[in-house]
Protein backbone atom coordinates (compact mmCIF):
# COMPACT_ATOMS: atom_id res chain seq x y z
CA UNK A 1 0.00 0.00 0.00
CA UNK A 2 1.30 3.47 -0.86
CA UNK A 3 2.48 5.74 1.93
CA UNK A 4 0.02 8.37 3.05
CA UNK A 5 0.83 11.94 4.03
CA UNK A 6 1.36 12.51 7.70
CA UNK A 7 -1.89 13.05 9.50
CA UNK A 8 -2.75 16.58 10.56
CA UNK A 9 -2.13 16.07 14.26
CA UNK A 10 -2.11 18.78 16.91
CA UNK A 11 0.30 21.45 15.63
CA UNK A 12 3.57 21.80 17.48
CA UNK A 13 5.96 24.68 17.89
CA UNK A 14 9.50 24.80 16.54
CA UNK A 15 10.66 23.21 19.81
CA UNK A 16 8.34 20.23 19.29
CA UNK A 17 6.01 21.23 22.12
CA UNK A 18 2.25 21.57 21.58
CA UNK A 19 1.33 25.05 20.39
CA UNK A 20 -0.28 27.49 22.76
CA UNK A 21 -3.97 28.06 22.16
CA UNK A 22 -3.40 31.54 20.73
CA UNK A 23 -0.75 30.21 18.32
CA UNK A 24 -3.14 27.46 17.17
CA UNK A 25 -5.84 30.05 16.56
CA UNK A 26 -3.43 32.15 14.52
CA UNK A 27 -2.47 29.12 12.46
CA UNK A 28 -6.10 28.23 11.83
CA UNK A 29 -6.91 31.82 10.80
CA UNK A 30 -3.97 31.86 8.41
CA UNK A 31 -5.08 28.58 6.81
CA UNK A 32 -8.68 29.76 6.47
CA UNK A 33 -7.63 33.01 4.81
CA UNK A 34 -5.09 31.21 2.63
CA UNK A 35 -7.84 28.98 1.23
CA UNK A 36 -9.98 32.04 0.48
CA UNK A 37 -7.07 34.01 -1.01
CA UNK A 38 -5.86 31.13 -3.16
CA UNK A 39 -9.42 30.68 -4.44
CA UNK A 40 -9.83 34.38 -5.25
CA UNK A 41 -6.35 35.27 -6.49
CA UNK A 42 -4.49 32.03 -7.24
CA UNK A 43 -1.57 30.27 -5.63
CA UNK A 44 0.79 33.19 -6.22
CA UNK A 45 -1.20 35.62 -4.04
CA UNK A 46 0.96 37.91 -1.92
CA UNK A 47 1.52 36.27 1.45
CA UNK A 48 1.50 39.71 3.07
CA UNK A 49 -2.14 39.96 1.96
CA UNK A 50 -2.92 36.57 3.48
CA UNK A 51 -1.42 37.71 6.80
CA UNK A 52 -3.33 41.00 6.70
CA UNK A 53 -6.64 39.26 6.00
CA UNK A 54 -5.94 36.76 8.79
CA UNK A 55 -5.29 39.59 11.21
CA UNK A 56 -1.74 38.51 12.02
CA UNK A 57 1.67 39.96 11.34
CA UNK A 58 3.76 38.77 8.42
CA UNK A 59 6.34 37.42 10.86
CA UNK A 60 3.63 35.30 12.48
CA UNK A 61 2.65 33.83 9.12
CA UNK A 62 6.25 32.94 8.29
CA UNK A 63 6.76 31.47 11.74
CA UNK A 64 4.01 28.97 10.99
CA UNK A 65 4.70 28.58 7.26
CA UNK A 66 8.28 29.51 6.32
CA UNK A 67 7.61 29.30 2.57
CA UNK A 68 4.71 29.58 0.13
CA UNK A 69 5.11 25.87 -0.56
CA UNK A 70 4.68 25.09 3.15
CA UNK A 71 1.42 27.05 3.21
CA UNK A 72 0.17 25.40 0.03
CA UNK A 73 1.06 21.97 1.40
CA UNK A 74 -0.93 22.58 4.57
CA UNK A 75 -3.95 23.62 2.48
CA UNK A 76 -3.88 20.81 -0.10
CA UNK A 77 -2.46 17.87 1.83
CA UNK A 78 -5.85 16.45 2.80
CA UNK A 79 -6.88 16.40 -0.86
CA UNK A 80 -3.97 14.19 -1.86
CA UNK A 81 -4.88 11.65 0.80
CA UNK A 82 -8.28 11.58 -0.95
CA UNK A 83 -6.48 11.02 -4.28
CA UNK A 84 -4.79 7.94 -2.83
CA UNK A 85 -8.12 6.64 -1.55
CA UNK A 86 -9.58 7.07 -5.04
CA UNK A 87 -6.65 5.27 -6.68
CA UNK A 88 -7.06 2.30 -4.34
CA UNK A 89 -10.77 2.13 -5.13
CA UNK A 90 -10.28 2.44 -8.90
CA UNK A 91 -7.52 -0.19 -8.90
CA UNK A 92 -10.20 -2.74 -7.97
CA UNK A 93 -12.27 -1.88 -11.05
CA UNK A 94 -12.47 -4.49 -13.84
CA UNK A 95 -12.52 -1.61 -16.36
CA UNK A 96 -8.97 -0.35 -15.88
CA UNK A 97 -8.89 1.87 -18.97
CA UNK A 98 -11.97 3.73 -17.76
CA UNK A 99 -10.49 3.80 -14.25
CA UNK A 100 -7.30 5.41 -15.56
CA UNK A 101 -9.29 8.08 -17.37
CA UNK A 102 -11.38 8.80 -14.27
CA UNK A 103 -8.22 9.10 -12.19
CA UNK A 104 -6.54 11.39 -14.72
CA UNK A 105 -9.58 13.67 -14.69
CA UNK A 106 -9.47 13.73 -10.89
CA UNK A 107 -5.79 14.68 -10.92
CA UNK A 108 -6.50 17.58 -13.28
CA UNK A 109 -9.31 18.74 -11.01
CA UNK A 110 -7.04 18.69 -7.97
CA UNK A 111 -4.16 20.40 -9.75
CA UNK A 112 -6.49 23.11 -11.03
CA UNK A 113 -8.38 23.94 -7.84
CA UNK A 114 -6.27 27.11 -7.45
CA UNK A 115 -4.91 29.06 -10.39
CA UNK A 116 -1.14 28.61 -10.43
CA UNK A 117 -1.18 25.49 -8.25
CA UNK A 118 0.01 23.18 -11.01
CA UNK A 119 2.97 25.51 -11.64
CA UNK A 120 3.95 25.10 -7.98
CA UNK A 121 3.39 21.35 -7.94
CA UNK A 122 5.46 20.39 -10.98
CA UNK A 123 8.91 21.49 -9.70
CA UNK A 124 8.03 20.21 -6.22
CA UNK A 125 7.52 16.71 -7.63
CA UNK A 126 11.27 16.50 -8.23
CA UNK A 127 12.55 18.71 -5.39
CA UNK A 128 12.82 16.71 -2.18
CA UNK A 129 13.61 19.89 -0.27
CA UNK A 130 10.29 21.47 -1.21
CA UNK A 131 7.64 21.56 1.50
CA UNK A 132 5.17 20.40 -1.17
CA UNK A 133 7.19 17.30 -2.05
CA UNK A 134 5.59 14.91 0.49
CA UNK A 135 2.11 15.63 -0.85
CA UNK A 136 3.41 15.33 -4.41
CA UNK A 137 4.93 11.97 -3.49
CA UNK A 138 1.55 10.74 -2.28
CA UNK A 139 0.11 11.79 -5.64
CA UNK A 140 2.93 9.89 -7.40
CA UNK A 141 2.36 6.82 -5.20
CA UNK A 142 -1.36 6.87 -6.00
CA UNK A 143 -0.61 7.13 -9.71
CA UNK A 144 1.86 4.24 -9.53
CA UNK A 145 -0.62 2.08 -7.63
CA UNK A 146 -3.29 2.39 -10.32
CA UNK A 147 -0.87 2.35 -13.24
CA UNK A 148 0.77 -0.83 -11.93
CA UNK A 149 -2.60 -2.59 -11.95
CA UNK A 150 -3.19 -1.38 -15.50
CA UNK A 151 0.25 -2.56 -16.67
CA UNK A 152 -0.15 -5.99 -15.09
CA UNK A 153 -3.62 -6.26 -16.60
CA UNK A 154 -2.24 -5.56 -20.07
CA UNK A 155 -4.20 -2.31 -20.32
CA UNK A 156 -1.36 0.20 -20.00
CA UNK A 157 1.91 0.16 -21.89
CA UNK A 158 4.55 -1.85 -20.07
CA UNK A 159 7.04 1.01 -20.37
CA UNK A 160 4.70 3.72 -19.04
CA UNK A 161 5.78 5.25 -15.73
CA UNK A 162 3.92 7.16 -13.05
CA UNK A 163 6.30 10.10 -13.46
CA UNK A 164 5.49 10.30 -17.18
CA UNK A 165 1.75 10.10 -16.53
CA UNK A 166 1.96 12.89 -13.93
CA UNK A 167 3.93 15.05 -16.36
CA UNK A 168 1.30 14.50 -19.06
CA UNK A 169 -1.60 15.23 -16.72
CA UNK A 170 0.20 18.29 -15.35
CA UNK A 171 0.58 19.55 -18.91
CA UNK A 172 -3.13 19.07 -19.56
CA UNK A 173 -3.98 20.91 -16.34
CA UNK A 174 -1.67 23.80 -17.24
CA UNK A 175 -3.04 24.10 -20.77
CA UNK A 176 -6.62 24.12 -19.47
CA UNK A 177 -5.71 26.78 -16.93
CA UNK A 178 -4.07 29.00 -19.53
CA UNK A 179 -6.59 28.48 -22.32
CA UNK A 180 -9.69 28.72 -20.15
CA UNK A 181 -13.03 27.70 -21.70
CA UNK A 182 -11.46 27.17 -25.13
CA UNK A 183 -9.57 24.09 -23.84
CA UNK A 184 -11.31 20.76 -24.44
CA UNK A 185 -10.34 18.80 -21.32
CA UNK A 186 -12.12 15.61 -22.36
CA UNK A 187 -10.41 15.59 -25.76
CA UNK A 188 -6.98 16.22 -24.24
CA UNK A 189 -7.47 13.42 -21.72
CA UNK A 190 -8.65 11.03 -24.43
CA UNK A 191 -5.56 11.74 -26.53
CA UNK A 192 -3.31 11.32 -23.48
CA UNK A 193 -4.97 8.05 -22.52
CA UNK A 194 -4.62 6.69 -26.07
CA UNK A 195 -0.88 7.17 -25.85
CA UNK A 196 -0.80 5.50 -22.45
CA UNK A 197 -2.79 2.38 -23.35
CA UNK A 198 -1.26 -0.82 -24.65
CA UNK A 199 -2.02 -1.34 -28.38
CA UNK A 200 -4.47 -4.17 -27.66
CA UNK A 201 -6.47 -1.94 -25.27
CA UNK A 202 -6.90 1.00 -27.65
C-alpha atoms as a PDB file:
ATOM      1  CA  UNK A   1       0.000   0.000   0.000  1.00  0.00           C
ATOM      2  CA  UNK A   2       1.297   3.467  -0.861  1.00  0.00           C
ATOM      3  CA  UNK A   3       2.475   5.744   1.927  1.00  0.00           C
ATOM      4  CA  UNK A   4       0.018   8.367   3.048  1.00  0.00           C
ATOM      5  CA  UNK A   5       0.833  11.941   4.028  1.00  0.00           C
ATOM      6  CA  UNK A   6       1.358  12.505   7.697  1.00  0.00           C
ATOM      7  CA  UNK A   7      -1.885  13.050   9.499  1.00  0.00           C
ATOM      8  CA  UNK A   8      -2.750  16.579  10.564  1.00  0.00           C
ATOM      9  CA  UNK A   9      -2.130  16.067  14.261  1.00  0.00           C
ATOM     10  CA  UNK A  10      -2.113  18.784  16.912  1.00  0.00           C
ATOM     11  CA  UNK A  11       0.300  21.453  15.626  1.00  0.00           C
ATOM     12  CA  UNK A  12       3.566  21.800  17.482  1.00  0.00           C
ATOM     13  CA  UNK A  13       5.959  24.682  17.894  1.00  0.00           C
ATOM     14  CA  UNK A  14       9.504  24.804  16.537  1.00  0.00           C
ATOM     15  CA  UNK A  15      10.661  23.206  19.811  1.00  0.00           C
ATOM     16  CA  UNK A  16       8.336  20.232  19.290  1.00  0.00           C
ATOM     17  CA  UNK A  17       6.014  21.226  22.124  1.00  0.00           C
ATOM     18  CA  UNK A  18       2.247  21.568  21.584  1.00  0.00           C
ATOM     19  CA  UNK A  19       1.329  25.052  20.386  1.00  0.00           C
ATOM     20  CA  UNK A  20      -0.279  27.495  22.755  1.00  0.00           C
ATOM     21  CA  UNK A  21      -3.967  28.057  22.157  1.00  0.00           C
ATOM     22  CA  UNK A  22      -3.395  31.540  20.728  1.00  0.00           C
ATOM     23  CA  UNK A  23      -0.747  30.207  18.318  1.00  0.00           C
ATOM     24  CA  UNK A  24      -3.136  27.465  17.168  1.00  0.00           C
ATOM     25  CA  UNK A  25      -5.842  30.051  16.563  1.00  0.00           C
ATOM     26  CA  UNK A  26      -3.426  32.153  14.520  1.00  0.00           C
ATOM     27  CA  UNK A  27      -2.465  29.122  12.460  1.00  0.00           C
ATOM     28  CA  UNK A  28      -6.100  28.234  11.826  1.00  0.00           C
ATOM     29  CA  UNK A  29      -6.915  31.822  10.805  1.00  0.00           C
ATOM     30  CA  UNK A  30      -3.965  31.858   8.407  1.00  0.00           C
ATOM     31  CA  UNK A  31      -5.078  28.576   6.809  1.00  0.00           C
ATOM     32  CA  UNK A  32      -8.680  29.762   6.466  1.00  0.00           C
ATOM     33  CA  UNK A  33      -7.630  33.007   4.813  1.00  0.00           C
ATOM     34  CA  UNK A  34      -5.086  31.211   2.632  1.00  0.00           C
ATOM     35  CA  UNK A  35      -7.842  28.983   1.228  1.00  0.00           C
ATOM     36  CA  UNK A  36      -9.976  32.037   0.475  1.00  0.00           C
ATOM     37  CA  UNK A  37      -7.073  34.006  -1.005  1.00  0.00           C
ATOM     38  CA  UNK A  38      -5.860  31.126  -3.161  1.00  0.00           C
ATOM     39  CA  UNK A  39      -9.417  30.681  -4.436  1.00  0.00           C
ATOM     40  CA  UNK A  40      -9.833  34.375  -5.252  1.00  0.00           C
ATOM     41  CA  UNK A  41      -6.351  35.272  -6.490  1.00  0.00           C
ATOM     42  CA  UNK A  42      -4.493  32.035  -7.237  1.00  0.00           C
ATOM     43  CA  UNK A  43      -1.567  30.267  -5.627  1.00  0.00           C
ATOM     44  CA  UNK A  44       0.790  33.188  -6.223  1.00  0.00           C
ATOM     45  CA  UNK A  45      -1.197  35.624  -4.038  1.00  0.00           C
ATOM     46  CA  UNK A  46       0.965  37.905  -1.919  1.00  0.00           C
ATOM     47  CA  UNK A  47       1.523  36.267   1.450  1.00  0.00           C
ATOM     48  CA  UNK A  48       1.499  39.706   3.071  1.00  0.00           C
ATOM     49  CA  UNK A  49      -2.143  39.958   1.962  1.00  0.00           C
ATOM     50  CA  UNK A  50      -2.923  36.572   3.483  1.00  0.00           C
ATOM     51  CA  UNK A  51      -1.419  37.705   6.798  1.00  0.00           C
ATOM     52  CA  UNK A  52      -3.333  40.996   6.702  1.00  0.00           C
ATOM     53  CA  UNK A  53      -6.641  39.260   6.002  1.00  0.00           C
ATOM     54  CA  UNK A  54      -5.937  36.759   8.792  1.00  0.00           C
ATOM     55  CA  UNK A  55      -5.293  39.592  11.212  1.00  0.00           C
ATOM     56  CA  UNK A  56      -1.739  38.513  12.015  1.00  0.00           C
ATOM     57  CA  UNK A  57       1.673  39.963  11.342  1.00  0.00           C
ATOM     58  CA  UNK A  58       3.759  38.768   8.422  1.00  0.00           C
ATOM     59  CA  UNK A  59       6.341  37.422  10.863  1.00  0.00           C
ATOM     60  CA  UNK A  60       3.626  35.295  12.477  1.00  0.00           C
ATOM     61  CA  UNK A  61       2.647  33.826   9.117  1.00  0.00           C
ATOM     62  CA  UNK A  62       6.246  32.939   8.290  1.00  0.00           C
ATOM     63  CA  UNK A  63       6.763  31.469  11.745  1.00  0.00           C
ATOM     64  CA  UNK A  64       4.012  28.966  10.995  1.00  0.00           C
ATOM     65  CA  UNK A  65       4.703  28.578   7.265  1.00  0.00           C
ATOM     66  CA  UNK A  66       8.278  29.515   6.317  1.00  0.00           C
ATOM     67  CA  UNK A  67       7.611  29.297   2.567  1.00  0.00           C
ATOM     68  CA  UNK A  68       4.713  29.579   0.132  1.00  0.00           C
ATOM     69  CA  UNK A  69       5.115  25.870  -0.560  1.00  0.00           C
ATOM     70  CA  UNK A  70       4.675  25.092   3.152  1.00  0.00           C
ATOM     71  CA  UNK A  71       1.416  27.047   3.214  1.00  0.00           C
ATOM     72  CA  UNK A  72       0.174  25.395   0.030  1.00  0.00           C
ATOM     73  CA  UNK A  73       1.061  21.973   1.403  1.00  0.00           C
ATOM     74  CA  UNK A  74      -0.934  22.582   4.568  1.00  0.00           C
ATOM     75  CA  UNK A  75      -3.946  23.620   2.479  1.00  0.00           C
ATOM     76  CA  UNK A  76      -3.878  20.811  -0.102  1.00  0.00           C
ATOM     77  CA  UNK A  77      -2.455  17.866   1.830  1.00  0.00           C
ATOM     78  CA  UNK A  78      -5.845  16.450   2.803  1.00  0.00           C
ATOM     79  CA  UNK A  79      -6.877  16.399  -0.864  1.00  0.00           C
ATOM     80  CA  UNK A  80      -3.974  14.191  -1.864  1.00  0.00           C
ATOM     81  CA  UNK A  81      -4.883  11.645   0.796  1.00  0.00           C
ATOM     82  CA  UNK A  82      -8.279  11.579  -0.949  1.00  0.00           C
ATOM     83  CA  UNK A  83      -6.481  11.018  -4.281  1.00  0.00           C
ATOM     84  CA  UNK A  84      -4.790   7.942  -2.829  1.00  0.00           C
ATOM     85  CA  UNK A  85      -8.121   6.636  -1.554  1.00  0.00           C
ATOM     86  CA  UNK A  86      -9.579   7.073  -5.038  1.00  0.00           C
ATOM     87  CA  UNK A  87      -6.649   5.274  -6.683  1.00  0.00           C
ATOM     88  CA  UNK A  88      -7.058   2.301  -4.340  1.00  0.00           C
ATOM     89  CA  UNK A  89     -10.771   2.127  -5.134  1.00  0.00           C
ATOM     90  CA  UNK A  90     -10.277   2.443  -8.899  1.00  0.00           C
ATOM     91  CA  UNK A  91      -7.524  -0.192  -8.900  1.00  0.00           C
ATOM     92  CA  UNK A  92     -10.197  -2.744  -7.975  1.00  0.00           C
ATOM     93  CA  UNK A  93     -12.271  -1.881 -11.053  1.00  0.00           C
ATOM     94  CA  UNK A  94     -12.467  -4.486 -13.842  1.00  0.00           C
ATOM     95  CA  UNK A  95     -12.516  -1.610 -16.362  1.00  0.00           C
ATOM     96  CA  UNK A  96      -8.975  -0.351 -15.878  1.00  0.00           C
ATOM     97  CA  UNK A  97      -8.885   1.872 -18.972  1.00  0.00           C
ATOM     98  CA  UNK A  98     -11.971   3.728 -17.760  1.00  0.00           C
ATOM     99  CA  UNK A  99     -10.493   3.796 -14.253  1.00  0.00           C
ATOM    100  CA  UNK A 100      -7.299   5.410 -15.560  1.00  0.00           C
ATOM    101  CA  UNK A 101      -9.289   8.076 -17.366  1.00  0.00           C
ATOM    102  CA  UNK A 102     -11.377   8.804 -14.273  1.00  0.00           C
ATOM    103  CA  UNK A 103      -8.223   9.104 -12.193  1.00  0.00           C
ATOM    104  CA  UNK A 104      -6.538  11.395 -14.724  1.00  0.00           C
ATOM    105  CA  UNK A 105      -9.582  13.667 -14.687  1.00  0.00           C
ATOM    106  CA  UNK A 106      -9.473  13.726 -10.888  1.00  0.00           C
ATOM    107  CA  UNK A 107      -5.794  14.680 -10.916  1.00  0.00           C
ATOM    108  CA  UNK A 108      -6.502  17.576 -13.282  1.00  0.00           C
ATOM    109  CA  UNK A 109      -9.315  18.742 -11.010  1.00  0.00           C
ATOM    110  CA  UNK A 110      -7.035  18.694  -7.965  1.00  0.00           C
ATOM    111  CA  UNK A 111      -4.161  20.399  -9.751  1.00  0.00           C
ATOM    112  CA  UNK A 112      -6.490  23.113 -11.025  1.00  0.00           C
ATOM    113  CA  UNK A 113      -8.375  23.942  -7.837  1.00  0.00           C
ATOM    114  CA  UNK A 114      -6.275  27.106  -7.451  1.00  0.00           C
ATOM    115  CA  UNK A 115      -4.909  29.063 -10.394  1.00  0.00           C
ATOM    116  CA  UNK A 116      -1.142  28.605 -10.429  1.00  0.00           C
ATOM    117  CA  UNK A 117      -1.176  25.495  -8.249  1.00  0.00           C
ATOM    118  CA  UNK A 118       0.013  23.184 -11.012  1.00  0.00           C
ATOM    119  CA  UNK A 119       2.970  25.511 -11.643  1.00  0.00           C
ATOM    120  CA  UNK A 120       3.952  25.099  -7.982  1.00  0.00           C
ATOM    121  CA  UNK A 121       3.392  21.350  -7.941  1.00  0.00           C
ATOM    122  CA  UNK A 122       5.465  20.392 -10.984  1.00  0.00           C
ATOM    123  CA  UNK A 123       8.907  21.490  -9.699  1.00  0.00           C
ATOM    124  CA  UNK A 124       8.032  20.206  -6.215  1.00  0.00           C
ATOM    125  CA  UNK A 125       7.519  16.708  -7.628  1.00  0.00           C
ATOM    126  CA  UNK A 126      11.267  16.500  -8.225  1.00  0.00           C
ATOM    127  CA  UNK A 127      12.548  18.714  -5.388  1.00  0.00           C
ATOM    128  CA  UNK A 128      12.816  16.707  -2.184  1.00  0.00           C
ATOM    129  CA  UNK A 129      13.609  19.895  -0.272  1.00  0.00           C
ATOM    130  CA  UNK A 130      10.294  21.474  -1.215  1.00  0.00           C
ATOM    131  CA  UNK A 131       7.637  21.559   1.496  1.00  0.00           C
ATOM    132  CA  UNK A 132       5.171  20.403  -1.173  1.00  0.00           C
ATOM    133  CA  UNK A 133       7.194  17.295  -2.049  1.00  0.00           C
ATOM    134  CA  UNK A 134       5.587  14.909   0.492  1.00  0.00           C
ATOM    135  CA  UNK A 135       2.108  15.632  -0.852  1.00  0.00           C
ATOM    136  CA  UNK A 136       3.411  15.327  -4.409  1.00  0.00           C
ATOM    137  CA  UNK A 137       4.928  11.974  -3.488  1.00  0.00           C
ATOM    138  CA  UNK A 138       1.547  10.743  -2.284  1.00  0.00           C
ATOM    139  CA  UNK A 139       0.114  11.793  -5.644  1.00  0.00           C
ATOM    140  CA  UNK A 140       2.928   9.892  -7.397  1.00  0.00           C
ATOM    141  CA  UNK A 141       2.360   6.824  -5.202  1.00  0.00           C
ATOM    142  CA  UNK A 142      -1.358   6.874  -5.995  1.00  0.00           C
ATOM    143  CA  UNK A 143      -0.614   7.132  -9.711  1.00  0.00           C
ATOM    144  CA  UNK A 144       1.863   4.242  -9.535  1.00  0.00           C
ATOM    145  CA  UNK A 145      -0.621   2.084  -7.631  1.00  0.00           C
ATOM    146  CA  UNK A 146      -3.289   2.391 -10.324  1.00  0.00           C
ATOM    147  CA  UNK A 147      -0.872   2.345 -13.241  1.00  0.00           C
ATOM    148  CA  UNK A 148       0.768  -0.830 -11.932  1.00  0.00           C
ATOM    149  CA  UNK A 149      -2.601  -2.589 -11.946  1.00  0.00           C
ATOM    150  CA  UNK A 150      -3.193  -1.383 -15.504  1.00  0.00           C
ATOM    151  CA  UNK A 151       0.248  -2.563 -16.674  1.00  0.00           C
ATOM    152  CA  UNK A 152      -0.151  -5.986 -15.087  1.00  0.00           C
ATOM    153  CA  UNK A 153      -3.616  -6.259 -16.597  1.00  0.00           C
ATOM    154  CA  UNK A 154      -2.240  -5.563 -20.068  1.00  0.00           C
ATOM    155  CA  UNK A 155      -4.204  -2.312 -20.319  1.00  0.00           C
ATOM    156  CA  UNK A 156      -1.358   0.196 -19.998  1.00  0.00           C
ATOM    157  CA  UNK A 157       1.908   0.163 -21.895  1.00  0.00           C
ATOM    158  CA  UNK A 158       4.547  -1.847 -20.070  1.00  0.00           C
ATOM    159  CA  UNK A 159       7.040   1.014 -20.368  1.00  0.00           C
ATOM    160  CA  UNK A 160       4.705   3.725 -19.042  1.00  0.00           C
ATOM    161  CA  UNK A 161       5.783   5.252 -15.729  1.00  0.00           C
ATOM    162  CA  UNK A 162       3.916   7.161 -13.055  1.00  0.00           C
ATOM    163  CA  UNK A 163       6.304  10.097 -13.463  1.00  0.00           C
ATOM    164  CA  UNK A 164       5.486  10.299 -17.179  1.00  0.00           C
ATOM    165  CA  UNK A 165       1.749  10.104 -16.527  1.00  0.00           C
ATOM    166  CA  UNK A 166       1.965  12.888 -13.930  1.00  0.00           C
ATOM    167  CA  UNK A 167       3.928  15.051 -16.357  1.00  0.00           C
ATOM    168  CA  UNK A 168       1.299  14.503 -19.059  1.00  0.00           C
ATOM    169  CA  UNK A 169      -1.598  15.227 -16.720  1.00  0.00           C
ATOM    170  CA  UNK A 170       0.203  18.293 -15.353  1.00  0.00           C
ATOM    171  CA  UNK A 171       0.583  19.551 -18.915  1.00  0.00           C
ATOM    172  CA  UNK A 172      -3.126  19.067 -19.565  1.00  0.00           C
ATOM    173  CA  UNK A 173      -3.982  20.905 -16.335  1.00  0.00           C
ATOM    174  CA  UNK A 174      -1.673  23.798 -17.236  1.00  0.00           C
ATOM    175  CA  UNK A 175      -3.045  24.104 -20.771  1.00  0.00           C
ATOM    176  CA  UNK A 176      -6.619  24.121 -19.471  1.00  0.00           C
ATOM    177  CA  UNK A 177      -5.715  26.780 -16.925  1.00  0.00           C
ATOM    178  CA  UNK A 178      -4.068  29.000 -19.532  1.00  0.00           C
ATOM    179  CA  UNK A 179      -6.591  28.476 -22.322  1.00  0.00           C
ATOM    180  CA  UNK A 180      -9.690  28.719 -20.151  1.00  0.00           C
ATOM    181  CA  UNK A 181     -13.029  27.702 -21.697  1.00  0.00           C
ATOM    182  CA  UNK A 182     -11.465  27.170 -25.126  1.00  0.00           C
ATOM    183  CA  UNK A 183      -9.575  24.094 -23.845  1.00  0.00           C
ATOM    184  CA  UNK A 184     -11.309  20.756 -24.435  1.00  0.00           C
ATOM    185  CA  UNK A 185     -10.337  18.799 -21.321  1.00  0.00           C
ATOM    186  CA  UNK A 186     -12.117  15.605 -22.356  1.00  0.00           C
ATOM    187  CA  UNK A 187     -10.410  15.591 -25.765  1.00  0.00           C
ATOM    188  CA  UNK A 188      -6.984  16.224 -24.242  1.00  0.00           C
ATOM    189  CA  UNK A 189      -7.474  13.424 -21.719  1.00  0.00           C
ATOM    190  CA  UNK A 190      -8.652  11.029 -24.432  1.00  0.00           C
ATOM    191  CA  UNK A 191      -5.559  11.745 -26.526  1.00  0.00           C
ATOM    192  CA  UNK A 192      -3.311  11.324 -23.482  1.00  0.00           C
ATOM    193  CA  UNK A 193      -4.972   8.052 -22.525  1.00  0.00           C
ATOM    194  CA  UNK A 194      -4.621   6.693 -26.074  1.00  0.00           C
ATOM    195  CA  UNK A 195      -0.878   7.171 -25.850  1.00  0.00           C
ATOM    196  CA  UNK A 196      -0.800   5.495 -22.455  1.00  0.00           C
ATOM    197  CA  UNK A 197      -2.787   2.383 -23.347  1.00  0.00           C
ATOM    198  CA  UNK A 198      -1.258  -0.821 -24.652  1.00  0.00           C
ATOM    199  CA  UNK A 199      -2.017  -1.340 -28.380  1.00  0.00           C
ATOM    200  CA  UNK A 200      -4.471  -4.170 -27.658  1.00  0.00           C
ATOM    201  CA  UNK A 201      -6.466  -1.941 -25.274  1.00  0.00           C
ATOM    202  CA  UNK A 202      -6.904   1.004 -27.645  1.00  0.00           C
END
